[in-house]
């Protein structure tokens, strides 16, 4: 009797445990070849892949599986709960048939209002971009000065233009819980990935590549009016900006771009590796760019506000940067950073740039870095710390670099542990001062080491022109410094010097253009 009771209990326990031990149902899998895709590039796979996506979302979600093969496709539209998974060896080629893109903007991968969508796998998306080298067709006002320098240097006024079907690779609008993982995107005719008014976006392990000489407007990732975006562990090599943050009104009123983290990436760009702007119709805030390597780029980091918004609470940290000058048509001049506040048109609202930190950066630059406010609105509260800036010779005939860094129209600027070093083995004849400050109020500098660009030149290492309420302390003139600090302009006043080592300078301080010793307070 006891044995029977024991066996009954054991059987009940086994059945009970079995109920918990049932294997989870495998996620639904929709193979595009089941829906008619052949994997032969000559066959148009648009309808087959879209049918698989539609069936997947109709079933409640799952994975649309693209096995190895070559698939020519037009516009594909992701829908709720779909993971488009490209197997290693699978390539989606952008169709060159306009009929495959019935709606604008033309894009290979599309979503609008979708939730929980993904494109994953080790496969490739190829935009088949083609270009033609032709005479300059219309002047770009943003590079007018650079174009004239190039013309004076004897360079031809020619550049590359797109010659293939123009389309984006991704346009994802008003979508949430978006994942892009491990894919490769190459040869995009326009922006590779455009996110507009998206929320909770995770991009990890992607590789994006466009031709560094030819790829006009082939940005890597553009984050437009979106929030809660994480980009990490990716390699992006693009002719235009590698990663850009913007606020536009393409699909409705502009929304803020906020809560963006870019980490552990390797970035190369013929424009800027990471830029904020120029489109700034709503605020951009709470941005962190950290632990990134920037190589072979025409600009390291940039902020360009033209449309009246506020850019604030931005940190660039733990970066290494190595520059290369590009063709004159590209924005940038191989500088480490450039922040500018302007109006797009005379009637545009004037924006704000404030509360920005650059920290722990090693930069090898070939151009003049700059932070330039507006006469009506200074850039506010900027901190630069632990910066090692190495000025290298420009490797092009149209030379541009003068000072290492220029600051103009700022209020509240702090520099901590900054050094500027010039390549004396191959000096450029236009090199001038290490740091130039113009119309800066409340300047605080500590632990700075610098000298002028040319060891034998008379240019000052530091220029204060119409600078007010400045403290320069615990800093040193590097070897072969001519004049360490030059004060200029009658507006230069209340300049405090404390515990500086100017023993290596021929002249510690000089006064020009109306500046007088009365401006100095020396401790």
Foldseek 3Di string as FASTA:
>chain_A
DVVVVVVVVVVVVVVVVVVVPDDDDAFDEQELVVQPFDLEQVDASAVSQQVSQVVQVVVVAGEYEYEAGEHEAWAHEHAERYEDEYEVNYEYEYDQDCVRQPDPPTERYEYAQHEQYEYEYQEEYEDPWDKDKAADDDDDVLLVVLVVLCVVLVHGRIAIDTDTDAHEHYEYENYENYEYYNYEYEHHLAAHYEYAAYEQYEYENYEYEYDQRHNPRHEDYEYELYENYEHEHYEAAENAEPYEYAWDQPPHHTHEYEHYEYEHYEAAYQAEPYEYDDHHQEEYEHYEYEHYEYEAHQEYYEYHYAAAYEYAHYEYEHYEEEYAHGDSVYHHHQAHYEYEWYHPDPPGHTYAYEHYEYYQYEYEGAAEYEYEYDPVYAHEAYEYENYEYEHDHHPDSSHDHEENYEYERYEHYEYYQYEYHYDQVDADPRYAEHYEYYNYEQYEYANYEWATHHLPDQHENYEAELYYNYEYENYEYDASHAEHYEYEDLNQAQYEYYHYHDVRYNHDYYYYHNDDPRRYDYD
